[in-house]
Protein backbone atom coordinates (compact mmCIF):
# COMPACT_ATOMS: atom_id res chain seq x y z
CA UNK A 1 0.00 0.00 0.00
CA UNK A 2 1.38 3.38 -0.82
CA UNK A 3 2.60 5.36 2.16
CA UNK A 4 1.51 5.06 5.77
CA UNK A 5 -2.15 4.35 6.48
CA UNK A 6 -4.19 3.82 9.62
CA UNK A 7 -6.99 1.24 9.62
CA UNK A 8 -9.27 0.01 12.38
CA UNK A 9 -12.17 -2.42 12.77
CA UNK A 10 -14.42 -3.80 15.45
CA UNK A 11 -13.81 -7.30 16.77
CA UNK A 12 -14.53 -9.97 14.19
CA UNK A 13 -14.44 -7.42 11.36
CA UNK A 14 -12.17 -7.55 8.35
CA UNK A 15 -9.89 -4.89 6.94
CA UNK A 16 -9.18 -5.40 3.27
CA UNK A 17 -7.67 -3.39 0.46
CA UNK A 18 -7.04 -4.26 -3.17
CA UNK A 19 -3.87 -2.67 -4.50
CA UNK A 20 -2.97 -2.27 -8.15
CA UNK A 21 0.61 -3.38 -8.88
CA UNK A 22 2.63 -4.27 -11.93
CA UNK A 23 1.85 -7.76 -13.25
CA UNK A 24 4.53 -10.45 -13.24
CA UNK A 25 6.49 -8.69 -10.48
CA UNK A 26 7.20 -9.77 -6.91
CA UNK A 27 6.14 -7.91 -3.77
CA UNK A 28 6.30 -8.19 0.00
CA UNK A 29 4.29 -6.65 2.81
CA UNK A 30 6.20 -4.58 5.38
CA UNK A 31 3.96 -3.13 8.10
CA UNK A 32 4.09 -2.02 11.74
CA UNK A 33 1.02 -3.15 13.64
CA UNK A 34 -0.15 -2.40 17.18
CA UNK A 35 -2.49 -5.12 18.50
CA UNK A 36 -4.28 -4.29 21.75
CA UNK A 37 -5.76 -7.73 22.51
CA UNK A 38 -6.29 -11.07 20.87
CA UNK A 39 -4.54 -12.38 17.77
CA UNK A 40 -4.77 -10.62 14.41
CA UNK A 41 -4.45 -12.62 11.20
CA UNK A 42 -2.99 -10.93 8.13
CA UNK A 43 -2.66 -11.91 4.48
CA UNK A 44 -1.29 -10.62 1.19
CA UNK A 45 -2.27 -12.50 -1.93
CA UNK A 46 -2.66 -12.48 -5.68
CA UNK A 47 -5.65 -14.31 -7.16
CA UNK A 48 -3.90 -17.68 -6.80
CA UNK A 49 -1.51 -17.66 -3.85
CA UNK A 50 -0.07 -15.53 -1.12
CA UNK A 51 1.40 -15.27 2.35
CA UNK A 52 -0.32 -15.12 5.73
CA UNK A 53 0.49 -14.99 9.42
CA UNK A 54 -0.65 -14.07 12.93
CA UNK A 55 0.31 -11.13 15.14
CA UNK A 56 0.42 -11.48 18.94
CA UNK A 57 -1.29 -8.93 21.23
CA UNK A 58 0.08 -6.21 23.48
CA UNK A 59 3.12 -5.19 21.49
CA UNK A 60 3.99 -3.38 18.29
CA UNK A 61 4.95 -5.96 15.69
CA UNK A 62 6.66 -5.56 12.37
CA UNK A 63 5.18 -7.81 9.71
CA UNK A 64 7.37 -8.78 6.78
CA UNK A 65 5.68 -11.29 4.49
CA UNK A 66 7.13 -13.86 2.17
CA UNK A 67 7.55 -12.59 -1.39
CA UNK A 68 4.27 -12.76 -3.32
CA UNK A 69 4.23 -12.78 -7.13
CA UNK A 70 1.41 -10.92 -8.86
CA UNK A 71 0.18 -12.39 -12.11
CA UNK A 72 -3.05 -10.37 -12.28
CA UNK A 73 -1.67 -6.90 -11.52
CA UNK A 74 -3.53 -6.71 -8.19
CA UNK A 75 -2.76 -7.77 -4.63
CA UNK A 76 -5.31 -8.14 -1.83
CA UNK A 77 -4.02 -7.13 1.59
CA UNK A 78 -6.19 -8.15 4.55
CA UNK A 79 -6.33 -8.02 8.34
CA UNK A 80 -8.81 -9.85 10.57
CA UNK A 81 -9.04 -8.74 14.24
CA UNK A 82 -10.30 -11.23 16.84
CA UNK A 83 -13.99 -11.52 17.72
CA UNK A 84 -15.14 -9.31 20.59
PDB file of N, CA and C in Angstrom:
ATOM      1  N   UNK A   1       0.856  -1.172   0.000  1.00  0.00           N
ATOM      2  CA  UNK A   1       0.000   0.000   0.000  1.00  0.00           C
ATOM      3  C   UNK A   1       0.898   1.230   0.000  1.00  0.00           C
ATOM      4  N   UNK A   2       0.539   2.201  -0.739  1.00  0.00           N
ATOM      5  CA  UNK A   2       1.378   3.382  -0.821  1.00  0.00           C
ATOM      6  C   UNK A   2       1.353   4.194   0.461  1.00  0.00           C
ATOM      7  N   UNK A   3       2.513   4.505   0.987  1.00  0.00           N
ATOM      8  CA  UNK A   3       2.599   5.358   2.160  1.00  0.00           C
ATOM      9  C   UNK A   3       2.032   4.741   3.413  1.00  0.00           C
ATOM     10  N   UNK A   4       2.026   5.524   4.487  1.00  0.00           N
ATOM     11  CA  UNK A   4       1.508   5.063   5.770  1.00  0.00           C
ATOM     12  C   UNK A   4      -0.002   5.255   5.809  1.00  0.00           C
ATOM     13  N   UNK A   5      -0.699   4.278   6.348  1.00  0.00           N
ATOM     14  CA  UNK A   5      -2.149   4.348   6.476  1.00  0.00           C
ATOM     15  C   UNK A   5      -2.546   3.804   7.834  1.00  0.00           C
ATOM     16  N   UNK A   6      -3.618   4.345   8.383  1.00  0.00           N
ATOM     17  CA  UNK A   6      -4.194   3.818   9.617  1.00  0.00           C
ATOM     18  C   UNK A   6      -5.518   3.160   9.275  1.00  0.00           C
ATOM     19  N   UNK A   7      -5.739   1.970   9.845  1.00  0.00           N
ATOM     20  CA  UNK A   7      -6.987   1.242   9.618  1.00  0.00           C
ATOM     21  C   UNK A   7      -7.441   0.695  10.962  1.00  0.00           C
ATOM     22  N   UNK A   8      -8.754   0.611  11.159  1.00  0.00           N
ATOM     23  CA  UNK A   8      -9.270   0.008  12.383  1.00  0.00           C
ATOM     24  C   UNK A   8     -10.581  -0.700  12.077  1.00  0.00           C
ATOM     25  N   UNK A   9     -10.916  -1.674  12.935  1.00  0.00           N
ATOM     26  CA  UNK A   9     -12.169  -2.420  12.771  1.00  0.00           C
ATOM     27  C   UNK A   9     -12.608  -2.936  14.118  1.00  0.00           C
ATOM     28  N   UNK A  10     -13.898  -3.174  14.239  1.00  0.00           N
ATOM     29  CA  UNK A  10     -14.423  -3.801  15.447  1.00  0.00           C
ATOM     30  C   UNK A  10     -14.026  -5.273  15.467  1.00  0.00           C
ATOM     31  N   UNK A  11     -14.129  -5.888  16.640  1.00  0.00           N
ATOM     32  CA  UNK A  11     -13.810  -7.303  16.772  1.00  0.00           C
ATOM     33  C   UNK A  11     -14.585  -8.155  15.791  1.00  0.00           C
ATOM     34  N   UNK A  12     -13.888  -9.082  15.145  1.00  0.00           N
ATOM     35  CA  UNK A  12     -14.527  -9.967  14.187  1.00  0.00           C
ATOM     36  C   UNK A  12     -14.685  -9.362  12.801  1.00  0.00           C
ATOM     37  N   UNK A  13     -14.345  -8.080  12.663  1.00  0.00           N
ATOM     38  CA  UNK A  13     -14.436  -7.418  11.364  1.00  0.00           C
ATOM     39  C   UNK A  13     -13.278  -7.825  10.466  1.00  0.00           C
ATOM     40  N   UNK A  14     -13.254  -7.250   9.279  1.00  0.00           N
ATOM     41  CA  UNK A  14     -12.174  -7.553   8.348  1.00  0.00           C
ATOM     42  C   UNK A  14     -11.748  -6.266   7.665  1.00  0.00           C
ATOM     43  N   UNK A  15     -10.461  -6.015   7.665  1.00  0.00           N
ATOM     44  CA  UNK A  15      -9.892  -4.893   6.935  1.00  0.00           C
ATOM     45  C   UNK A  15      -9.299  -5.460   5.660  1.00  0.00           C
ATOM     46  N   UNK A  16      -9.599  -4.838   4.547  1.00  0.00           N
ATOM     47  CA  UNK A  16      -9.178  -5.400   3.270  1.00  0.00           C
ATOM     48  C   UNK A  16      -8.950  -4.271   2.292  1.00  0.00           C
ATOM     49  N   UNK A  17      -7.916  -4.378   1.489  1.00  0.00           N
ATOM     50  CA  UNK A  17      -7.665  -3.388   0.461  1.00  0.00           C
ATOM     51  C   UNK A  17      -7.056  -4.073  -0.755  1.00  0.00           C
ATOM     52  N   UNK A  18      -7.576  -3.743  -1.914  1.00  0.00           N
ATOM     53  CA  UNK A  18      -7.040  -4.262  -3.174  1.00  0.00           C
ATOM     54  C   UNK A  18      -6.110  -3.197  -3.740  1.00  0.00           C
ATOM     55  N   UNK A  19      -4.883  -3.600  -4.055  1.00  0.00           N
ATOM     56  CA  UNK A  19      -3.869  -2.667  -4.497  1.00  0.00           C
ATOM     57  C   UNK A  19      -3.444  -3.022  -5.912  1.00  0.00           C
ATOM     58  N   UNK A  20      -3.431  -2.020  -6.793  1.00  0.00           N
ATOM     59  CA  UNK A  20      -2.968  -2.270  -8.154  1.00  0.00           C
ATOM     60  C   UNK A  20      -1.441  -2.234  -8.174  1.00  0.00           C
ATOM     61  N   UNK A  21      -0.842  -3.254  -8.768  1.00  0.00           N
ATOM     62  CA  UNK A  21       0.612  -3.384  -8.877  1.00  0.00           C
ATOM     63  C   UNK A  21       0.961  -3.741 -10.316  1.00  0.00           C
ATOM     64  N   UNK A  22       2.222  -3.860 -10.595  1.00  0.00           N
ATOM     65  CA  UNK A  22       2.626  -4.265 -11.935  1.00  0.00           C
ATOM     66  C   UNK A  22       2.573  -5.778 -12.050  1.00  0.00           C
ATOM     67  N   UNK A  23       1.937  -6.304 -13.085  1.00  0.00           N
ATOM     68  CA  UNK A  23       1.849  -7.755 -13.248  1.00  0.00           C
ATOM     69  C   UNK A  23       3.220  -8.372 -13.477  1.00  0.00           C
ATOM     70  N   UNK A  24       3.322  -9.642 -13.083  1.00  0.00           N
ATOM     71  CA  UNK A  24       4.530 -10.448 -13.236  1.00  0.00           C
ATOM     72  C   UNK A  24       5.725  -9.854 -12.492  1.00  0.00           C
ATOM     73  N   UNK A  25       5.449  -9.192 -11.376  1.00  0.00           N
ATOM     74  CA  UNK A  25       6.490  -8.693 -10.480  1.00  0.00           C
ATOM     75  C   UNK A  25       6.270  -9.303  -9.115  1.00  0.00           C
ATOM     76  N   UNK A  26       7.268  -9.176  -8.243  1.00  0.00           N
ATOM     77  CA  UNK A  26       7.195  -9.768  -6.907  1.00  0.00           C
ATOM     78  C   UNK A  26       7.158  -8.670  -5.856  1.00  0.00           C
ATOM     79  N   UNK A  27       6.352  -8.904  -4.814  1.00  0.00           N
ATOM     80  CA  UNK A  27       6.138  -7.906  -3.769  1.00  0.00           C
ATOM     81  C   UNK A  27       6.190  -8.551  -2.395  1.00  0.00           C
ATOM     82  N   UNK A  28       6.418  -7.719  -1.380  1.00  0.00           N
ATOM     83  CA  UNK A  28       6.297  -8.186  -0.004  1.00  0.00           C
ATOM     84  C   UNK A  28       5.592  -7.120   0.810  1.00  0.00           C
ATOM     85  N   UNK A  29       4.997  -7.546   1.908  1.00  0.00           N
ATOM     86  CA  UNK A  29       4.288  -6.651   2.814  1.00  0.00           C
ATOM     87  C   UNK A  29       5.224  -6.315   3.962  1.00  0.00           C
ATOM     88  N   UNK A  30       5.402  -5.035   4.235  1.00  0.00           N
ATOM     89  CA  UNK A  30       6.196  -4.576   5.377  1.00  0.00           C
ATOM     90  C   UNK A  30       5.313  -3.594   6.136  1.00  0.00           C
ATOM     91  N   UNK A  31       4.892  -3.964   7.341  1.00  0.00           N
ATOM     92  CA  UNK A  31       3.959  -3.128   8.099  1.00  0.00           C
ATOM     93  C   UNK A  31       4.293  -3.166   9.587  1.00  0.00           C
ATOM     94  N   UNK A  32       3.997  -2.069  10.281  1.00  0.00           N
ATOM     95  CA  UNK A  32       4.091  -2.023  11.737  1.00  0.00           C
ATOM     96  C   UNK A  32       2.673  -2.023  12.268  1.00  0.00           C
ATOM     97  N   UNK A  33       2.386  -2.945  13.171  1.00  0.00           N
ATOM     98  CA  UNK A  33       1.018  -3.152  13.639  1.00  0.00           C
ATOM     99  C   UNK A  33       1.000  -3.143  15.153  1.00  0.00           C
ATOM    100  N   UNK A  34       0.043  -2.426  15.734  1.00  0.00           N
ATOM    101  CA  UNK A  34      -0.148  -2.403  17.178  1.00  0.00           C
ATOM    102  C   UNK A  34      -1.441  -3.149  17.488  1.00  0.00           C
ATOM    103  N   UNK A  35      -1.330  -4.287  18.156  1.00  0.00           N
ATOM    104  CA  UNK A  35      -2.488  -5.118  18.497  1.00  0.00           C
ATOM    105  C   UNK A  35      -2.753  -4.985  19.994  1.00  0.00           C
ATOM    106  N   UNK A  36      -3.955  -4.528  20.341  1.00  0.00           N
ATOM    107  CA  UNK A  36      -4.285  -4.293  21.751  1.00  0.00           C
ATOM    108  C   UNK A  36      -4.630  -5.585  22.499  1.00  0.00           C
ATOM    109  N   UNK A  37      -5.420  -6.463  21.855  1.00  0.00           N
ATOM    110  CA  UNK A  37      -5.760  -7.727  22.510  1.00  0.00           C
ATOM    111  C   UNK A  37      -6.139  -8.755  21.454  1.00  0.00           C
ATOM    112  N   UNK A  38      -5.984 -10.000  21.800  1.00  0.00           N
ATOM    113  CA  UNK A  38      -6.293 -11.073  20.867  1.00  0.00           C
ATOM    114  C   UNK A  38      -5.256 -11.183  19.760  1.00  0.00           C
ATOM    115  N   UNK A  39      -5.440 -12.155  18.899  1.00  0.00           N
ATOM    116  CA  UNK A  39      -4.545 -12.382  17.774  1.00  0.00           C
ATOM    117  C   UNK A  39      -5.148 -11.780  16.508  1.00  0.00           C
ATOM    118  N   UNK A  40      -4.326 -11.178  15.683  1.00  0.00           N
ATOM    119  CA  UNK A  40      -4.768 -10.617  14.408  1.00  0.00           C
ATOM    120  C   UNK A  40      -4.132 -11.422  13.284  1.00  0.00           C
ATOM    121  N   UNK A  41      -4.951 -11.894  12.367  1.00  0.00           N
ATOM    122  CA  UNK A  41      -4.448 -12.621  11.203  1.00  0.00           C
ATOM    123  C   UNK A  41      -4.293 -11.650  10.042  1.00  0.00           C
ATOM    124  N   UNK A  42      -3.215 -11.790   9.287  1.00  0.00           N
ATOM    125  CA  UNK A  42      -2.988 -10.935   8.131  1.00  0.00           C
ATOM    126  C   UNK A  42      -2.737 -11.792   6.901  1.00  0.00           C
ATOM    127  N   UNK A  43      -2.937 -11.202   5.726  1.00  0.00           N
ATOM    128  CA  UNK A  43      -2.658 -11.913   4.480  1.00  0.00           C
ATOM    129  C   UNK A  43      -2.332 -10.918   3.376  1.00  0.00           C
ATOM    130  N   UNK A  44      -1.545 -11.362   2.425  1.00  0.00           N
ATOM    131  CA  UNK A  44      -1.293 -10.625   1.195  1.00  0.00           C
ATOM    132  C   UNK A  44      -1.295 -11.665   0.092  1.00  0.00           C
ATOM    133  N   UNK A  45      -2.100 -11.446  -0.937  1.00  0.00           N
ATOM    134  CA  UNK A  45      -2.275 -12.502  -1.933  1.00  0.00           C
ATOM    135  C   UNK A  45      -2.631 -11.954  -3.298  1.00  0.00           C
ATOM    136  N   UNK A  46      -2.201 -12.672  -4.315  1.00  0.00           N
ATOM    137  CA  UNK A  46      -2.662 -12.484  -5.678  1.00  0.00           C
ATOM    138  C   UNK A  46      -3.889 -13.389  -5.805  1.00  0.00           C
ATOM    139  N   UNK A  47      -4.467 -13.482  -6.970  1.00  0.00           N
ATOM    140  CA  UNK A  47      -5.654 -14.314  -7.160  1.00  0.00           C
ATOM    141  C   UNK A  47      -5.395 -15.779  -6.810  1.00  0.00           C
ATOM    142  N   UNK A  48      -4.174 -16.261  -6.981  1.00  0.00           N
ATOM    143  CA  UNK A  48      -3.902 -17.681  -6.801  1.00  0.00           C
ATOM    144  C   UNK A  48      -3.224 -18.043  -5.487  1.00  0.00           C
ATOM    145  N   UNK A  49      -2.213 -17.302  -5.081  1.00  0.00           N
ATOM    146  CA  UNK A  49      -1.506 -17.664  -3.854  1.00  0.00           C
ATOM    147  C   UNK A  49      -0.989 -16.437  -3.126  1.00  0.00           C
ATOM    148  N   UNK A  50      -0.553 -16.660  -1.895  1.00  0.00           N
ATOM    149  CA  UNK A  50      -0.068 -15.530  -1.121  1.00  0.00           C
ATOM    150  C   UNK A  50       0.634 -15.968   0.136  1.00  0.00           C
ATOM    151  N   UNK A  51       0.757 -15.031   1.062  1.00  0.00           N
ATOM    152  CA  UNK A  51       1.403 -15.272   2.350  1.00  0.00           C
ATOM    153  C   UNK A  51       0.431 -14.861   3.439  1.00  0.00           C
ATOM    154  N   UNK A  52       0.547 -15.475   4.615  1.00  0.00           N
ATOM    155  CA  UNK A  52      -0.315 -15.122   5.734  1.00  0.00           C
ATOM    156  C   UNK A  52       0.417 -15.377   7.042  1.00  0.00           C
ATOM    157  N   UNK A  53      -0.117 -14.799   8.113  1.00  0.00           N
ATOM    158  CA  UNK A  53       0.490 -14.988   9.422  1.00  0.00           C
ATOM    159  C   UNK A  53      -0.412 -14.458  10.517  1.00  0.00           C
ATOM    160  N   UNK A  54       0.092 -14.499  11.752  1.00  0.00           N
ATOM    161  CA  UNK A  54      -0.652 -14.066  12.926  1.00  0.00           C
ATOM    162  C   UNK A  54       0.225 -13.135  13.754  1.00  0.00           C
ATOM    163  N   UNK A  55      -0.392 -12.088  14.302  1.00  0.00           N
ATOM    164  CA  UNK A  55       0.310 -11.127  15.140  1.00  0.00           C
ATOM    165  C   UNK A  55      -0.184 -11.286  16.570  1.00  0.00           C
ATOM    166  N   UNK A  56       0.760 -11.327  17.522  1.00  0.00           N
ATOM    167  CA  UNK A  56       0.418 -11.483  18.939  1.00  0.00           C
ATOM    168  C   UNK A  56       0.009 -10.144  19.543  1.00  0.00           C
ATOM    169  N   UNK A  57      -0.800 -10.174  20.619  1.00  0.00           N
ATOM    170  CA  UNK A  57      -1.286  -8.933  21.234  1.00  0.00           C
ATOM    171  C   UNK A  57      -0.255  -8.248  22.130  1.00  0.00           C
ATOM    172  N   UNK A  58      -0.604  -7.009  22.479  1.00  0.00           N
ATOM    173  CA  UNK A  58       0.080  -6.207  23.485  1.00  0.00           C
ATOM    174  C   UNK A  58       1.529  -5.883  23.155  1.00  0.00           C
ATOM    175  N   UNK A  59       1.809  -5.694  21.889  1.00  0.00           N
ATOM    176  CA  UNK A  59       3.120  -5.191  21.494  1.00  0.00           C
ATOM    177  C   UNK A  59       3.038  -4.713  20.048  1.00  0.00           C
ATOM    178  N   UNK A  60       3.931  -3.820  19.686  1.00  0.00           N
ATOM    179  CA  UNK A  60       3.992  -3.383  18.290  1.00  0.00           C
ATOM    180  C   UNK A  60       4.827  -4.396  17.544  1.00  0.00           C
ATOM    181  N   UNK A  61       4.274  -4.931  16.477  1.00  0.00           N
ATOM    182  CA  UNK A  61       4.952  -5.957  15.692  1.00  0.00           C
ATOM    183  C   UNK A  61       5.251  -5.439  14.302  1.00  0.00           C
ATOM    184  N   UNK A  62       6.363  -5.867  13.762  1.00  0.00           N
ATOM    185  CA  UNK A  62       6.656  -5.565  12.370  1.00  0.00           C
ATOM    186  C   UNK A  62       6.394  -6.821  11.569  1.00  0.00           C
ATOM    187  N   UNK A  63       5.550  -6.690  10.568  1.00  0.00           N
ATOM    188  CA  UNK A  63       5.184  -7.810   9.708  1.00  0.00           C
ATOM    189  C   UNK A  63       5.982  -7.683   8.422  1.00  0.00           C
ATOM    190  N   UNK A  64       6.711  -8.719   8.074  1.00  0.00           N
ATOM    191  CA  UNK A  64       7.372  -8.782   6.779  1.00  0.00           C
ATOM    192  C   UNK A  64       6.975 -10.119   6.177  1.00  0.00           C
ATOM    193  N   UNK A  65       6.223 -10.064   5.086  1.00  0.00           N
ATOM    194  CA  UNK A  65       5.682 -11.286   4.493  1.00  0.00           C
ATOM    195  C   UNK A  65       6.719 -11.985   3.635  1.00  0.00           C
ATOM    196  N   UNK A  66       6.390 -13.200   3.234  1.00  0.00           N
ATOM    197  CA  UNK A  66       7.131 -13.860   2.171  1.00  0.00           C
ATOM    198  C   UNK A  66       6.879 -13.080   0.889  1.00  0.00           C
ATOM    199  N   UNK A  67       7.734 -13.257  -0.094  1.00  0.00           N
ATOM    200  CA  UNK A  67       7.548 -12.594  -1.385  1.00  0.00           C
ATOM    201  C   UNK A  67       6.338 -13.196  -2.090  1.00  0.00           C
ATOM    202  N   UNK A  68       5.472 -12.333  -2.614  1.00  0.00           N
ATOM    203  CA  UNK A  68       4.267 -12.762  -3.323  1.00  0.00           C
ATOM    204  C   UNK A  68       4.360 -12.265  -4.759  1.00  0.00           C
ATOM    205  N   UNK A  69       4.203 -13.156  -5.719  1.00  0.00           N
ATOM    206  CA  UNK A  69       4.227 -12.777  -7.132  1.00  0.00           C
ATOM    207  C   UNK A  69       2.818 -12.417  -7.583  1.00  0.00           C
ATOM    208  N   UNK A  70       2.712 -11.324  -8.319  1.00  0.00           N
ATOM    209  CA  UNK A  70       1.414 -10.917  -8.856  1.00  0.00           C
ATOM    210  C   UNK A  70       1.354 -11.256 -10.334  1.00  0.00           C
ATOM    211  N   UNK A  71       0.423 -12.089 -10.701  1.00  0.00           N
ATOM    212  CA  UNK A  71       0.181 -12.389 -12.112  1.00  0.00           C
ATOM    213  C   UNK A  71      -0.905 -11.482 -12.675  1.00  0.00           C
ATOM    214  N   UNK A  72      -1.872 -11.125 -11.830  1.00  0.00           N
ATOM    215  CA  UNK A  72      -3.046 -10.375 -12.280  1.00  0.00           C
ATOM    216  C   UNK A  72      -2.837  -8.864 -12.339  1.00  0.00           C
ATOM    217  N   UNK A  73      -1.839  -8.351 -11.613  1.00  0.00           N
ATOM    218  CA  UNK A  73      -1.672  -6.902 -11.524  1.00  0.00           C
ATOM    219  C   UNK A  73      -2.369  -6.305 -10.322  1.00  0.00           C
ATOM    220  N   UNK A  74      -2.894  -7.164  -9.435  1.00  0.00           N
ATOM    221  CA  UNK A  74      -3.527  -6.707  -8.194  1.00  0.00           C
ATOM    222  C   UNK A  74      -3.087  -7.596  -7.036  1.00  0.00           C
ATOM    223  N   UNK A  75      -2.984  -7.019  -5.852  1.00  0.00           N
ATOM    224  CA  UNK A  75      -2.759  -7.772  -4.625  1.00  0.00           C
ATOM    225  C   UNK A  75      -3.854  -7.403  -3.637  1.00  0.00           C
ATOM    226  N   UNK A  76      -4.330  -8.375  -2.892  1.00  0.00           N
ATOM    227  CA  UNK A  76      -5.309  -8.142  -1.829  1.00  0.00           C
ATOM    228  C   UNK A  76      -4.580  -8.239  -0.498  1.00  0.00           C
ATOM    229  N   UNK A  77      -4.641  -7.161   0.286  1.00  0.00           N
ATOM    230  CA  UNK A  77      -4.016  -7.125   1.592  1.00  0.00           C
ATOM    231  C   UNK A  77      -5.135  -7.104   2.619  1.00  0.00           C
ATOM    232  N   UNK A  78      -5.108  -8.053   3.575  1.00  0.00           N
ATOM    233  CA  UNK A  78      -6.194  -8.151   4.546  1.00  0.00           C
ATOM    234  C   UNK A  78      -5.728  -8.349   5.964  1.00  0.00           C
ATOM    235  N   UNK A  79      -6.544  -7.879   6.902  1.00  0.00           N
ATOM    236  CA  UNK A  79      -6.327  -8.018   8.342  1.00  0.00           C
ATOM    237  C   UNK A  79      -7.633  -8.451   8.972  1.00  0.00           C
ATOM    238  N   UNK A  80      -7.600  -9.416   9.884  1.00  0.00           N
ATOM    239  CA  UNK A  80      -8.814  -9.850  10.572  1.00  0.00           C
ATOM    240  C   UNK A  80      -8.569  -9.816  12.078  1.00  0.00           C
ATOM    241  N   UNK A  81      -9.154  -8.807  12.786  1.00  0.00           N
ATOM    242  CA  UNK A  81      -9.039  -8.738  14.237  1.00  0.00           C
ATOM    243  C   UNK A  81      -9.847  -9.854  14.887  1.00  0.00           C
ATOM    244  N   UNK A  82      -9.561 -10.172  16.152  1.00  0.00           N
ATOM    245  CA  UNK A  82     -10.300 -11.229  16.836  1.00  0.00           C
ATOM    246  C   UNK A  82     -11.745 -10.824  17.099  1.00  0.00           C
ATOM    247  N   UNK A  83     -12.592 -11.806  17.358  1.00  0.00           N
ATOM    248  CA  UNK A  83     -13.987 -11.521  17.724  1.00  0.00           C
ATOM    249  C   UNK A  83     -14.012 -10.847  19.080  1.00  0.00           C
ATOM    250  N   UNK A  84     -15.023 -10.042  19.317  1.00  0.00           N
ATOM    251  CA  UNK A  84     -15.139  -9.308  20.586  1.00  0.00           C
ATOM    252  C   UNK A  84     -15.318 -10.231  21.757  1.00  0.00           C
TER     253      UNK A  84
END
